[in-house]
Amino acid sequence: MRRPKVYVTSRSFGQYSEEALELVKSVAEVEQNPYSRAMSEEELLKAVEDAEGLIVGADEITRRIIGHAKKLRIIARHGVGVDNIDLKAATDNNVIVTYTPHVNAEAVADFTMGLILSVARRIPQAHLSMRQGKWEATKFIGAEVYGKTLGIIGLGGIGYRVAKRAKGFDVRILAYDPYISHERAAEVSAELVDLETLLRESDFVTLHVALTDETRGIIGEEEFNLMKQTAYFINTSRGRAVDERALYKALKERKIAGAAIDVYSKEPPSADSPLLLLDNMVTSPHIAAYTREAIRRMDMMNAEDMVKFFKGETPRYIANPEVLKKIPEF
């Protein structure tokens, strides 16, 4: 009996959980991304021609790819956000898209606190200086986090956990989130305010939003101009939620004290990106969710939903549930 083919573009799927890879292999033939990077559209067009399932990482799954993959029936996003997948195209072509909600929230919250401390105390710059054989203690005078005001934009799964961690620093917590109740915010001692108030009063502003039409470019020149000159900006959510030219200008002109960025509008950013040359910027390559524990959880959620699907059962975590009305077997 012919077995379906599942193509895995995610470079980390199965790396820390052989059990998840074996689960998928129990119901399908598996082929994996041969590159140590995200795949291009042209590479994907060739890879998905006969695939019935995809497990994707940060690769852009466009309408062209989905339309070209005539046998494709399910896409599993190895991660939380599905903004790199054309959900409408998937639904139009009767393709189920699954994802792994909240699975990396603890990892990203940990990393966010790490970035806050890193940018405030200039830890990466001091480390690099030491590696170069220098002793420049007075060059790296930083700012304390204790007792300051932390502004959290997006108090969902990750933002909520950041607030829980930040309470240990005795900070005042402000939050902007139109979809969160005052009661939920009070659980982590957060005060719900409008975005302008948050930006004006916060010493640290951290962004935790999904990328939607509403949040695309939510932070731009106007928002940076509202912030304190001594404030720091942190982004571990989505690069396209921020106007990077405005961020560069704010940092270059010292309108804000610094920034710590894990995500970019284009990933990877070009090697000559001016953002990467600033001395008041801490950067990392979109690794906030990359812990062994979080990757294992993502692996298993993807694998279990993939197995459910190929056994004729409804996957648990579906990003486009409206597609089920179009598929007779569901």
C-alpha atoms as a PDB file:
ATOM      1  CA  MET A   1       0.000   0.000   0.000  1.00  0.00           C
ATOM      2  CA  ARG A   2       1.385   3.422  -0.982  1.00  0.00           C
ATOM      3  CA  ARG A   3       2.297   5.628   1.968  1.00  0.00           C
ATOM      4  CA  PRO A   4       1.884   9.419   1.845  1.00  0.00           C
ATOM      5  CA  LYS A   5       4.960  11.626   1.683  1.00  0.00           C
ATOM      6  CA  VAL A   6       5.645  14.261   4.345  1.00  0.00           C
ATOM      7  CA  TYR A   7       8.304  16.846   3.576  1.00  0.00           C
ATOM      8  CA  VAL A   8       9.994  18.496   6.575  1.00  0.00           C
ATOM      9  CA  THR A   9      11.441  21.957   5.945  1.00  0.00           C
ATOM     10  CA  SER A  10      11.992  22.777   9.643  1.00  0.00           C
ATOM     11  CA  ARG A  11      15.661  22.354  10.493  1.00  0.00           C
ATOM     12  CA  SER A  12      15.006  21.660  14.157  1.00  0.00           C
ATOM     13  CA  PHE A  13      12.105  19.182  13.862  1.00  0.00           C
ATOM     14  CA  GLY A  14      13.254  15.823  15.246  1.00  0.00           C
ATOM     15  CA  GLN A  15      16.618  17.184  16.342  1.00  0.00           C
ATOM     16  CA  TYR A  16      15.817  16.788  20.043  1.00  0.00           C
ATOM     17  CA  SER A  17      12.917  14.359  19.800  1.00  0.00           C
ATOM     18  CA  GLU A  18      13.528  11.216  17.792  1.00  0.00           C
ATOM     19  CA  GLU A  19      10.170   9.983  19.081  1.00  0.00           C
ATOM     20  CA  ALA A  20       8.332  12.694  17.120  1.00  0.00           C
ATOM     21  CA  LEU A  21      10.157  11.875  13.893  1.00  0.00           C
ATOM     22  CA  GLU A  22       9.425   8.169  14.344  1.00  0.00           C
ATOM     23  CA  LEU A  23       5.753   8.963  14.946  1.00  0.00           C
ATOM     24  CA  VAL A  24       5.494  10.698  11.585  1.00  0.00           C
ATOM     25  CA  LYS A  25       7.433   7.875   9.930  1.00  0.00           C
ATOM     26  CA  SER A  26       4.869   5.432  11.283  1.00  0.00           C
ATOM     27  CA  VAL A  27       2.246   6.889   8.929  1.00  0.00           C
ATOM     28  CA  ALA A  28       4.285   8.424   6.096  1.00  0.00           C
ATOM     29  CA  GLU A  29       7.501   8.499   4.138  1.00  0.00           C
ATOM     30  CA  VAL A  30       9.588  11.430   5.362  1.00  0.00           C
ATOM     31  CA  GLU A  31      11.991  13.639   3.438  1.00  0.00           C
ATOM     32  CA  GLN A  32      13.888  16.486   5.105  1.00  0.00           C
ATOM     33  CA  ASN A  33      15.330  19.862   4.182  1.00  0.00           C
ATOM     34  CA  PRO A  34      18.913  19.228   2.986  1.00  0.00           C
ATOM     35  CA  TYR A  35      20.001  22.822   3.609  1.00  0.00           C
ATOM     36  CA  SER A  36      21.092  24.465   6.857  1.00  0.00           C
ATOM     37  CA  ARG A  37      18.694  27.366   6.188  1.00  0.00           C
ATOM     38  CA  ALA A  38      15.145  28.159   5.247  1.00  0.00           C
ATOM     39  CA  MET A  39      14.263  27.026   1.728  1.00  0.00           C
ATOM     40  CA  SER A  40      13.580  29.383  -1.171  1.00  0.00           C
ATOM     41  CA  GLU A  41      10.308  29.363  -3.080  1.00  0.00           C
ATOM     42  CA  GLU A  42      11.930  27.658  -6.071  1.00  0.00           C
ATOM     43  CA  GLU A  43      13.439  24.940  -3.867  1.00  0.00           C
ATOM     44  CA  LEU A  44      10.089  24.398  -2.181  1.00  0.00           C
ATOM     45  CA  LEU A  45       8.237  24.153  -5.480  1.00  0.00           C
ATOM     46  CA  LYS A  46      10.387  21.152  -6.399  1.00  0.00           C
ATOM     47  CA  ALA A  47      10.260  19.577  -2.946  1.00  0.00           C
ATOM     48  CA  VAL A  48       6.470  19.659  -2.492  1.00  0.00           C
ATOM     49  CA  GLU A  49       5.378  18.366  -5.894  1.00  0.00           C
ATOM     50  CA  ASP A  50       4.342  14.957  -4.534  1.00  0.00           C
ATOM     51  CA  ALA A  51       4.020  15.816  -0.834  1.00  0.00           C
ATOM     52  CA  GLU A  52       0.727  15.253   0.988  1.00  0.00           C
ATOM     53  CA  GLY A  53       2.039  16.783   4.205  1.00  0.00           C
ATOM     54  CA  LEU A  54       4.491  19.527   5.146  1.00  0.00           C
ATOM     55  CA  ILE A  55       6.154  20.311   8.467  1.00  0.00           C
ATOM     56  CA  VAL A  56       7.472  23.847   8.062  1.00  0.00           C
ATOM     57  CA  GLY A  57       9.693  26.157  10.036  1.00  0.00           C
ATOM     58  CA  ALA A  58      10.284  29.778   9.021  1.00  0.00           C
ATOM     59  CA  ASP A  59       9.995  29.030   5.297  1.00  0.00           C
ATOM     60  CA  GLU A  60       7.486  31.194   3.388  1.00  0.00           C
ATOM     61  CA  ILE A  61       4.650  28.972   2.174  1.00  0.00           C
ATOM     62  CA  THR A  62       3.041  31.087  -0.528  1.00  0.00           C
ATOM     63  CA  ARG A  63      -0.116  30.675  -2.586  1.00  0.00           C
ATOM     64  CA  ARG A  64       2.094  29.653  -5.496  1.00  0.00           C
ATOM     65  CA  ILE A  65       3.630  26.814  -3.491  1.00  0.00           C
ATOM     66  CA  ILE A  66       0.289  25.620  -2.148  1.00  0.00           C
ATOM     67  CA  GLY A  67      -1.314  25.735  -5.587  1.00  0.00           C
ATOM     68  CA  HIS A  68       1.629  23.863  -7.126  1.00  0.00           C
ATOM     69  CA  ALA A  69       1.485  21.046  -4.553  1.00  0.00           C
ATOM     70  CA  LYS A  70      -1.508  19.217  -6.058  1.00  0.00           C
ATOM     71  CA  LYS A  71      -1.392  16.379  -3.500  1.00  0.00           C
ATOM     72  CA  LEU A  72      -0.931  18.594  -0.443  1.00  0.00           C
ATOM     73  CA  ARG A  73      -3.508  18.026   2.300  1.00  0.00           C
ATOM     74  CA  ILE A  74      -1.932  19.248   5.545  1.00  0.00           C
ATOM     75  CA  ILE A  75       0.708  21.780   6.634  1.00  0.00           C
ATOM     76  CA  ALA A  76       2.035  21.611  10.186  1.00  0.00           C
ATOM     77  CA  ARG A  77       3.718  24.804  11.366  1.00  0.00           C
ATOM     78  CA  HIS A  78       6.657  23.976  13.639  1.00  0.00           C
ATOM     79  CA  GLY A  79       6.005  27.013  15.786  1.00  0.00           C
ATOM     80  CA  VAL A  80       3.365  29.345  17.161  1.00  0.00           C
ATOM     81  CA  GLY A  81       2.907  31.978  14.454  1.00  0.00           C
ATOM     82  CA  VAL A  82       1.439  31.110  11.049  1.00  0.00           C
ATOM     83  CA  ASP A  83       2.123  34.447   9.335  1.00  0.00           C
ATOM     84  CA  ASN A  84       4.622  32.741   6.997  1.00  0.00           C
ATOM     85  CA  ILE A  85       1.835  30.546   5.596  1.00  0.00           C
ATOM     86  CA  ASP A  86      -0.837  31.856   3.250  1.00  0.00           C
ATOM     87  CA  LEU A  87      -3.806  30.635   5.290  1.00  0.00           C
ATOM     88  CA  LYS A  88      -6.387  31.798   2.757  1.00  0.00           C
ATOM     89  CA  ALA A  89      -4.616  29.918  -0.024  1.00  0.00           C
ATOM     90  CA  ALA A  90      -4.502  26.824   2.172  1.00  0.00           C
ATOM     91  CA  THR A  91      -8.223  27.058   2.898  1.00  0.00           C
ATOM     92  CA  ASP A  92      -9.022  27.725  -0.769  1.00  0.00           C
ATOM     93  CA  ASN A  93      -7.123  24.541  -1.672  1.00  0.00           C
ATOM     94  CA  ASN A  94      -8.682  22.399   1.127  1.00  0.00           C
ATOM     95  CA  VAL A  95      -5.381  22.192   3.026  1.00  0.00           C
ATOM     96  CA  ILE A  96      -5.482  21.974   6.824  1.00  0.00           C
ATOM     97  CA  VAL A  97      -2.896  24.087   8.668  1.00  0.00           C
ATOM     98  CA  THR A  98      -1.915  23.056  12.182  1.00  0.00           C
ATOM     99  CA  TYR A  99       0.355  24.867  14.632  1.00  0.00           C
ATOM    100  CA  THR A 100       1.670  24.672  18.204  1.00  0.00           C
ATOM    101  CA  PRO A 101      -0.026  27.377  20.309  1.00  0.00           C
ATOM    102  CA  HIS A 102       1.586  28.465  23.605  1.00  0.00           C
ATOM    103  CA  VAL A 103       4.211  25.726  23.339  1.00  0.00           C
ATOM    104  CA  ASN A 104       7.180  28.090  23.505  1.00  0.00           C
ATOM    105  CA  ALA A 105       5.737  30.724  25.842  1.00  0.00           C
ATOM    106  CA  GLU A 106       7.994  29.848  28.789  1.00  0.00           C
ATOM    107  CA  ALA A 107      11.104  29.833  26.589  1.00  0.00           C
ATOM    108  CA  VAL A 108      10.320  33.204  24.995  1.00  0.00           C
ATOM    109  CA  ALA A 109       9.463  34.773  28.355  1.00  0.00           C
ATOM    110  CA  ASP A 110      12.811  33.600  29.753  1.00  0.00           C
ATOM    111  CA  PHE A 111      14.640  34.966  26.724  1.00  0.00           C
ATOM    112  CA  THR A 112      12.841  38.306  26.944  1.00  0.00           C
ATOM    113  CA  MET A 113      14.061  38.787  30.498  1.00  0.00           C
ATOM    114  CA  GLY A 114      17.544  37.842  29.313  1.00  0.00           C
ATOM    115  CA  LEU A 115      17.398  40.518  26.621  1.00  0.00           C
ATOM    116  CA  ILE A 116      16.150  43.134  29.066  1.00  0.00           C
ATOM    117  CA  LEU A 117      19.117  42.478  31.352  1.00  0.00           C
ATOM    118  CA  SER A 118      21.535  42.219  28.430  1.00  0.00           C
ATOM    119  CA  VAL A 119      20.616  45.540  26.862  1.00  0.00           C
ATOM    120  CA  ALA A 120      20.335  47.376  30.183  1.00  0.00           C
ATOM    121  CA  ARG A 121      23.690  46.138  31.494  1.00  0.00           C
ATOM    122  CA  ARG A 122      25.458  45.880  28.099  1.00  0.00           C
ATOM    123  CA  ILE A 123      26.457  42.305  28.805  1.00  0.00           C
ATOM    124  CA  PRO A 124      27.105  41.202  25.185  1.00  0.00           C
ATOM    125  CA  GLN A 125      29.332  44.228  24.523  1.00  0.00           C
ATOM    126  CA  ALA A 126      31.311  43.593  27.708  1.00  0.00           C
ATOM    127  CA  HIS A 127      31.714  39.922  26.780  1.00  0.00           C
ATOM    128  CA  LEU A 128      33.006  40.811  23.310  1.00  0.00           C
ATOM    129  CA  SER A 129      35.444  43.325  24.812  1.00  0.00           C
ATOM    130  CA  MET A 130      36.838  40.689  27.179  1.00  0.00           C
ATOM    131  CA  ARG A 131      37.220  38.217  24.308  1.00  0.00           C
ATOM    132  CA  GLN A 132      39.331  40.848  22.563  1.00  0.00           C
ATOM    133  CA  GLY A 133      41.697  40.956  25.557  1.00  0.00           C
ATOM    134  CA  LYS A 134      40.446  44.297  26.869  1.00  0.00           C
ATOM    135  CA  TRP A 135      39.483  45.437  30.368  1.00  0.00           C
ATOM    136  CA  GLU A 136      37.055  48.326  29.899  1.00  0.00           C
ATOM    137  CA  ALA A 137      34.963  48.249  33.051  1.00  0.00           C
ATOM    138  CA  THR A 138      33.901  51.896  33.046  1.00  0.00           C
ATOM    139  CA  LYS A 139      32.859  51.710  29.390  1.00  0.00           C
ATOM    140  CA  PHE A 140      29.930  49.438  30.202  1.00  0.00           C
ATOM    141  CA  ILE A 141      28.035  51.364  32.850  1.00  0.00           C
ATOM    142  CA  GLY A 142      24.417  50.307  32.509  1.00  0.00           C
ATOM    143  CA  ALA A 143      20.964  50.837  33.948  1.00  0.00           C
ATOM    144  CA  GLU A 144      19.179  48.941  36.717  1.00  0.00           C
ATOM    145  CA  VAL A 145      15.979  47.051  36.021  1.00  0.00           C
ATOM    146  CA  TYR A 146      14.933  46.957  39.669  1.00  0.00           C
ATOM    147  CA  GLY A 147      12.170  49.392  40.559  1.00  0.00           C
ATOM    148  CA  LYS A 148      11.649  50.663  37.011  1.00  0.00           C
ATOM    149  CA  THR A 149       8.510  50.629  34.842  1.00  0.00           C
ATOM    150  CA  LEU A 150       8.066  47.793  32.360  1.00  0.00           C
ATOM    151  CA  GLY A 151       5.617  48.257  29.498  1.00  0.00           C
ATOM    152  CA  ILE A 152       4.278  45.064  27.908  1.00  0.00           C
ATOM    153  CA  ILE A 153       2.519  45.385  24.554  1.00  0.00           C
ATOM    154  CA  GLY A 154       0.435  42.221  24.285  1.00  0.00           C
ATOM    155  CA  LEU A 155      -0.454  40.469  27.537  1.00  0.00           C
ATOM    156  CA  GLY A 156      -1.267  37.095  25.990  1.00  0.00           C
ATOM    157  CA  GLY A 157       0.511  33.823  26.684  1.00  0.00           C
ATOM    158  CA  ILE A 158       4.054  35.222  26.456  1.00  0.00           C
ATOM    159  CA  GLY A 159       3.468  38.753  27.721  1.00  0.00           C
ATOM    160  CA  TYR A 160       1.627  37.374  30.749  1.00  0.00           C
ATOM    161  CA  ARG A 161       4.607  35.151  31.586  1.00  0.00           C
ATOM    162  CA  VAL A 162       7.046  38.026  31.158  1.00  0.00           C
ATOM    163  CA  ALA A 163       5.009  39.977  33.701  1.00  0.00           C
ATOM    164  CA  LYS A 164       5.168  37.055  36.160  1.00  0.00           C
ATOM    165  CA  ARG A 165       8.954  36.948  35.875  1.00  0.00           C
ATOM    166  CA  ALA A 166       9.358  40.716  36.052  1.00  0.00           C
ATOM    167  CA  LYS A 167       7.508  40.945  39.362  1.00  0.00           C
ATOM    168  CA  GLY A 168      10.664  39.602  41.007  1.00  0.00           C
ATOM    169  CA  PHE A 169      12.433  42.833  40.035  1.00  0.00           C
ATOM    170  CA  ASP A 170       9.807  44.943  41.859  1.00  0.00           C
ATOM    171  CA  VAL A 171       8.950  46.774  38.669  1.00  0.00           C
ATOM    172  CA  ARG A 172       5.771  48.676  37.947  1.00  0.00           C
ATOM    173  CA  ILE A 173       4.055  46.832  35.100  1.00  0.00           C
ATOM    174  CA  LEU A 174       1.989  48.612  32.462  1.00  0.00           C
ATOM    175  CA  ALA A 175       0.240  46.628  29.739  1.00  0.00           C
ATOM    176  CA  TYR A 176      -1.499  47.480  26.502  1.00  0.00           C
ATOM    177  CA  ASP A 177      -3.816  44.802  25.144  1.00  0.00           C
ATOM    178  CA  PRO A 178      -7.352  45.518  23.912  1.00  0.00           C
ATOM    179  CA  TYR A 179      -8.313  41.856  24.296  1.00  0.00           C
ATOM    180  CA  ILE A 180      -7.281  41.284  27.923  1.00  0.00           C
ATOM    181  CA  SER A 181      -9.529  41.966  30.909  1.00  0.00           C
ATOM    182  CA  HIS A 182      -8.511  44.063  33.907  1.00  0.00           C
ATOM    183  CA  GLU A 183      -9.024  40.952  36.042  1.00  0.00           C
ATOM    184  CA  ARG A 184      -6.530  38.948  33.969  1.00  0.00           C
ATOM    185  CA  ALA A 185      -4.004  41.796  34.084  1.00  0.00           C
ATOM    186  CA  ALA A 186      -4.398  42.098  37.849  1.00  0.00           C
ATOM    187  CA  GLU A 187      -3.268  38.473  38.245  1.00  0.00           C
ATOM    188  CA  VAL A 188       0.262  39.623  37.353  1.00  0.00           C
ATOM    189  CA  SER A 189      -0.052  43.074  38.958  1.00  0.00           C
ATOM    190  CA  ALA A 190      -0.253  44.745  35.544  1.00  0.00           C
ATOM    191  CA  GLU A 191      -2.116  48.005  34.982  1.00  0.00           C
ATOM    192  CA  LEU A 192      -3.932  48.168  31.651  1.00  0.00           C
ATOM    193  CA  VAL A 193      -3.327  51.492  29.902  1.00  0.00           C
ATOM    194  CA  ASP A 194      -3.516  52.919  26.395  1.00  0.00           C
ATOM    195  CA  LEU A 195      -0.485  52.569  24.129  1.00  0.00           C
ATOM    196  CA  GLU A 196       0.548  56.222  24.383  1.00  0.00           C
ATOM    197  CA  THR A 197       0.614  56.120  28.181  1.00  0.00           C
ATOM    198  CA  LEU A 198       2.642  52.912  28.141  1.00  0.00           C
ATOM    199  CA  LEU A 199       5.231  54.367  25.768  1.00  0.00           C
ATOM    200  CA  ARG A 200       5.558  57.647  27.660  1.00  0.00           C
ATOM    201  CA  GLU A 201       5.936  56.122  31.114  1.00  0.00           C
ATOM    202  CA  SER A 202       7.911  52.901  30.568  1.00  0.00           C
ATOM    203  CA  ASP A 203      11.642  52.451  31.070  1.00  0.00           C
ATOM    204  CA  PHE A 204      11.523  49.148  29.173  1.00  0.00           C
ATOM    205  CA  VAL A 205       9.014  48.397  26.392  1.00  0.00           C
ATOM    206  CA  THR A 206       8.670  44.785  25.282  1.00  0.00           C
ATOM    207  CA  LEU A 207       6.561  43.657  22.336  1.00  0.00           C
ATOM    208  CA  HIS A 208       4.530  40.420  22.368  1.00  0.00           C
ATOM    209  CA  VAL A 209       1.965  40.458  19.567  1.00  0.00           C
ATOM    210  CA  ALA A 210       0.978  38.119  16.774  1.00  0.00           C
ATOM    211  CA  LEU A 211       1.478  39.591  13.316  1.00  0.00           C
ATOM    212  CA  THR A 212      -1.906  40.703  11.966  1.00  0.00           C
ATOM    213  CA  ASP A 213      -3.163  43.617   9.885  1.00  0.00           C
ATOM    214  CA  GLU A 214      -3.805  45.376  13.186  1.00  0.00           C
ATOM    215  CA  THR A 215      -0.289  44.904  14.574  1.00  0.00           C
ATOM    216  CA  ARG A 216       1.800  45.234  11.408  1.00  0.00           C
ATOM    217  CA  GLY A 217       3.947  48.338  11.947  1.00  0.00           C
ATOM    218  CA  ILE A 218       2.383  49.004  15.357  1.00  0.00           C
ATOM    219  CA  ILE A 219       5.674  50.547  16.491  1.00  0.00           C
ATOM    220  CA  GLY A 220       7.046  53.283  14.237  1.00  0.00           C
ATOM    221  CA  GLU A 221       8.603  56.743  14.376  1.00  0.00           C
ATOM    222  CA  GLU A 222       5.670  58.289  16.228  1.00  0.00           C
ATOM    223  CA  GLU A 223       5.818  55.596  18.911  1.00  0.00           C
ATOM    224  CA  PHE A 224       9.600  55.850  19.367  1.00  0.00           C
ATOM    225  CA  ASN A 225       9.262  59.632  19.723  1.00  0.00           C
ATOM    226  CA  LEU A 226       6.878  59.086  22.628  1.00  0.00           C
ATOM    227  CA  MET A 227       9.381  56.972  24.562  1.00  0.00           C
ATOM    228  CA  LYS A 228      11.820  58.272  27.168  1.00  0.00           C
ATOM    229  CA  GLN A 229      15.344  59.021  25.982  1.00  0.00           C
ATOM    230  CA  THR A 230      16.514  56.582  28.670  1.00  0.00           C
ATOM    231  CA  ALA A 231      14.125  53.804  27.622  1.00  0.00           C
ATOM    232  CA  TYR A 232      14.921  50.436  26.019  1.00  0.00           C
ATOM    233  CA  PHE A 233      12.882  48.584  23.398  1.00  0.00           C
ATOM    234  CA  ILE A 234      12.722  44.776  23.170  1.00  0.00           C
ATOM    235  CA  ASN A 235      11.133  42.697  20.404  1.00  0.00           C
ATOM    236  CA  THR A 236      10.823  38.902  20.468  1.00  0.00           C
ATOM    237  CA  SER A 237       7.506  38.732  18.587  1.00  0.00           C
ATOM    238  CA  ARG A 238       7.585  39.582  14.868  1.00  0.00           C
ATOM    239  CA  GLY A 239       9.946  41.841  12.941  1.00  0.00           C
ATOM    240  CA  ARG A 240       7.244  43.294  10.702  1.00  0.00           C
ATOM    241  CA  ALA A 241       5.399  44.647  13.732  1.00  0.00           C
ATOM    242  CA  VAL A 242       8.116  47.323  13.866  1.00  0.00           C
ATOM    243  CA  ASP A 243       9.215  49.949  11.330  1.00  0.00           C
ATOM    244  CA  GLU A 244      12.926  49.093  11.246  1.00  0.00           C
ATOM    245  CA  ARG A 245      13.917  52.374   9.627  1.00  0.00           C
ATOM    246  CA  ALA A 246      12.242  54.220  12.479  1.00  0.00           C
ATOM    247  CA  LEU A 247      13.971  51.940  14.993  1.00  0.00           C
ATOM    248  CA  TYR A 248      17.352  52.630  13.382  1.00  0.00           C
ATOM    249  CA  LYS A 249      16.723  56.383  13.468  1.00  0.00           C
ATOM    250  CA  ALA A 250      15.647  56.291  17.125  1.00  0.00           C
ATOM    251  CA  LEU A 251      18.791  54.371  18.106  1.00  0.00           C
ATOM    252  CA  LYS A 252      21.178  56.326  15.878  1.00  0.00           C
ATOM    253  CA  GLU A 253      19.901  59.676  17.107  1.00  0.00           C
ATOM    254  CA  ARG A 254      19.774  58.418  20.714  1.00  0.00           C
ATOM    255  CA  LYS A 255      16.059  59.130  20.984  1.00  0.00           C
ATOM    256  CA  ILE A 256      15.952  55.926  23.030  1.00  0.00           C
ATOM    257  CA  ALA A 257      18.798  54.380  25.021  1.00  0.00           C
ATOM    258  CA  GLY A 258      18.904  50.998  23.311  1.00  0.00           C
ATOM    259  CA  ALA A 259      17.110  48.018  21.853  1.00  0.00           C
ATOM    260  CA  ALA A 260      17.299  44.228  21.939  1.00  0.00           C
ATOM    261  CA  ILE A 261      15.923  42.517  18.851  1.00  0.00           C
ATOM    262  CA  ASP A 262      15.453  38.807  18.098  1.00  0.00           C
ATOM    263  CA  VAL A 263      13.201  39.157  15.025  1.00  0.00           C
ATOM    264  CA  TYR A 264      13.474  41.067  11.761  1.00  0.00           C
ATOM    265  CA  SER A 265      11.294  42.102   8.823  1.00  0.00           C
ATOM    266  CA  LYS A 266      13.512  39.957   6.598  1.00  0.00           C
ATOM    267  CA  GLU A 267      15.168  36.874   8.054  1.00  0.00           C
ATOM    268  CA  PRO A 268      18.046  36.634   7.991  1.00  0.00           C
ATOM    269  CA  PRO A 269      18.639  40.380   7.640  1.00  0.00           C
ATOM    270  CA  SER A 270      21.258  41.415   5.104  1.00  0.00           C
ATOM    271  CA  ALA A 271      24.812  41.372   6.437  1.00  0.00           C
ATOM    272  CA  ASP A 272      25.141  45.108   5.783  1.00  0.00           C
ATOM    273  CA  SER A 273      21.923  46.027   7.624  1.00  0.00           C
ATOM    274  CA  PRO A 274      22.662  49.296   9.458  1.00  0.00           C
ATOM    275  CA  LEU A 275      20.794  48.005  12.511  1.00  0.00           C
ATOM    276  CA  LEU A 276      23.521  45.418  13.082  1.00  0.00           C
ATOM    277  CA  LEU A 277      26.218  48.097  13.283  1.00  0.00           C
ATOM    278  CA  LEU A 278      24.783  50.099  16.170  1.00  0.00           C
ATOM    279  CA  ASP A 279      26.556  49.969  19.532  1.00  0.00           C
ATOM    280  CA  ASN A 280      23.315  50.430  21.524  1.00  0.00           C
ATOM    281  CA  MET A 281      21.659  47.385  19.983  1.00  0.00           C
ATOM    282  CA  VAL A 282      21.665  43.737  21.123  1.00  0.00           C
ATOM    283  CA  THR A 283      20.785  41.260  18.387  1.00  0.00           C
ATOM    284  CA  SER A 284      20.105  37.530  18.150  1.00  0.00           C
ATOM    285  CA  PRO A 285      18.996  35.257  15.265  1.00  0.00           C
ATOM    286  CA  HIS A 286      15.331  34.567  16.145  1.00  0.00           C
ATOM    287  CA  ILE A 287      16.179  32.097  18.899  1.00  0.00           C
ATOM    288  CA  ALA A 288      13.826  33.119  21.715  1.00  0.00           C
ATOM    289  CA  ALA A 289      11.820  29.897  21.341  1.00  0.00           C
ATOM    290  CA  TYR A 290      14.881  27.690  20.895  1.00  0.00           C
ATOM    291  CA  THR A 291      15.175  25.577  24.008  1.00  0.00           C
ATOM    292  CA  ARG A 292      15.430  21.803  23.934  1.00  0.00           C
ATOM    293  CA  GLU A 293      12.246  21.582  25.982  1.00  0.00           C
ATOM    294  CA  ALA A 294      10.193  23.884  23.746  1.00  0.00           C
ATOM    295  CA  ILE A 295      11.401  22.219  20.541  1.00  0.00           C
ATOM    296  CA  ARG A 296      10.481  18.777  21.922  1.00  0.00           C
ATOM    297  CA  ARG A 297       6.985  20.032  22.730  1.00  0.00           C
ATOM    298  CA  MET A 298       6.600  21.530  19.254  1.00  0.00           C
ATOM    299  CA  ASP A 299       7.866  18.298  17.684  1.00  0.00           C
ATOM    300  CA  MET A 300       5.360  16.166  19.529  1.00  0.00           C
ATOM    301  CA  MET A 301       2.381  18.462  18.875  1.00  0.00           C
ATOM    302  CA  ASN A 302       3.192  18.524  15.141  1.00  0.00           C
ATOM    303  CA  ALA A 303       3.756  14.782  15.016  1.00  0.00           C
ATOM    304  CA  GLU A 304       0.602  13.890  16.936  1.00  0.00           C
ATOM    305  CA  ASP A 305      -1.572  16.093  14.731  1.00  0.00           C
ATOM    306  CA  MET A 306       0.061  14.706  11.588  1.00  0.00           C
ATOM    307  CA  VAL A 307      -0.621  11.132  12.758  1.00  0.00           C
ATOM    308  CA  LYS A 308      -4.215  12.005  13.630  1.00  0.00           C
ATOM    309  CA  PHE A 309      -4.756  13.429  10.165  1.00  0.00           C
ATOM    310  CA  PHE A 310      -3.367  10.453   8.269  1.00  0.00           C
ATOM    311  CA  LYS A 311      -5.421   8.106  10.447  1.00  0.00           C
ATOM    312  CA  GLY A 312      -8.568   9.985   9.430  1.00  0.00           C
ATOM    313  CA  GLU A 313      -8.976  11.849  12.720  1.00  0.00           C
ATOM    314  CA  THR A 314      -9.323  15.613  13.205  1.00  0.00           C
ATOM    315  CA  PRO A 315      -6.050  17.287  14.258  1.00  0.00           C
ATOM    316  CA  ARG A 316      -6.192  19.078  17.580  1.00  0.00           C
ATOM    317  CA  TYR A 317      -4.528  22.429  16.789  1.00  0.00           C
ATOM    318  CA  ILE A 318      -5.952  23.817  13.540  1.00  0.00           C
ATOM    319  CA  ALA A 319      -5.176  27.397  12.484  1.00  0.00           C
ATOM    320  CA  ASN A 320      -7.835  27.500   9.737  1.00  0.00           C
ATOM    321  CA  PRO A 321     -10.774  25.517  11.206  1.00  0.00           C
ATOM    322  CA  GLU A 322     -13.132  26.809   8.504  1.00  0.00           C
ATOM    323  CA  VAL A 323     -11.435  24.439   6.058  1.00  0.00           C
ATOM    324  CA  LEU A 324     -13.041  21.448   7.796  1.00  0.00           C
ATOM    325  CA  LYS A 325     -16.425  22.408   6.291  1.00  0.00           C
ATOM    326  CA  LYS A 326     -14.916  21.901   2.821  1.00  0.00           C
ATOM    327  CA  ILE A 327     -13.373  18.475   3.410  1.00  0.00           C
ATOM    328  CA  PRO A 328     -15.937  15.640   3.262  1.00  0.00           C
ATOM    329  CA  GLU A 329     -14.115  13.249   5.601  1.00  0.00           C
ATOM    330  CA  PHE A 330     -14.155  15.822   8.396  1.00  0.00           C
END
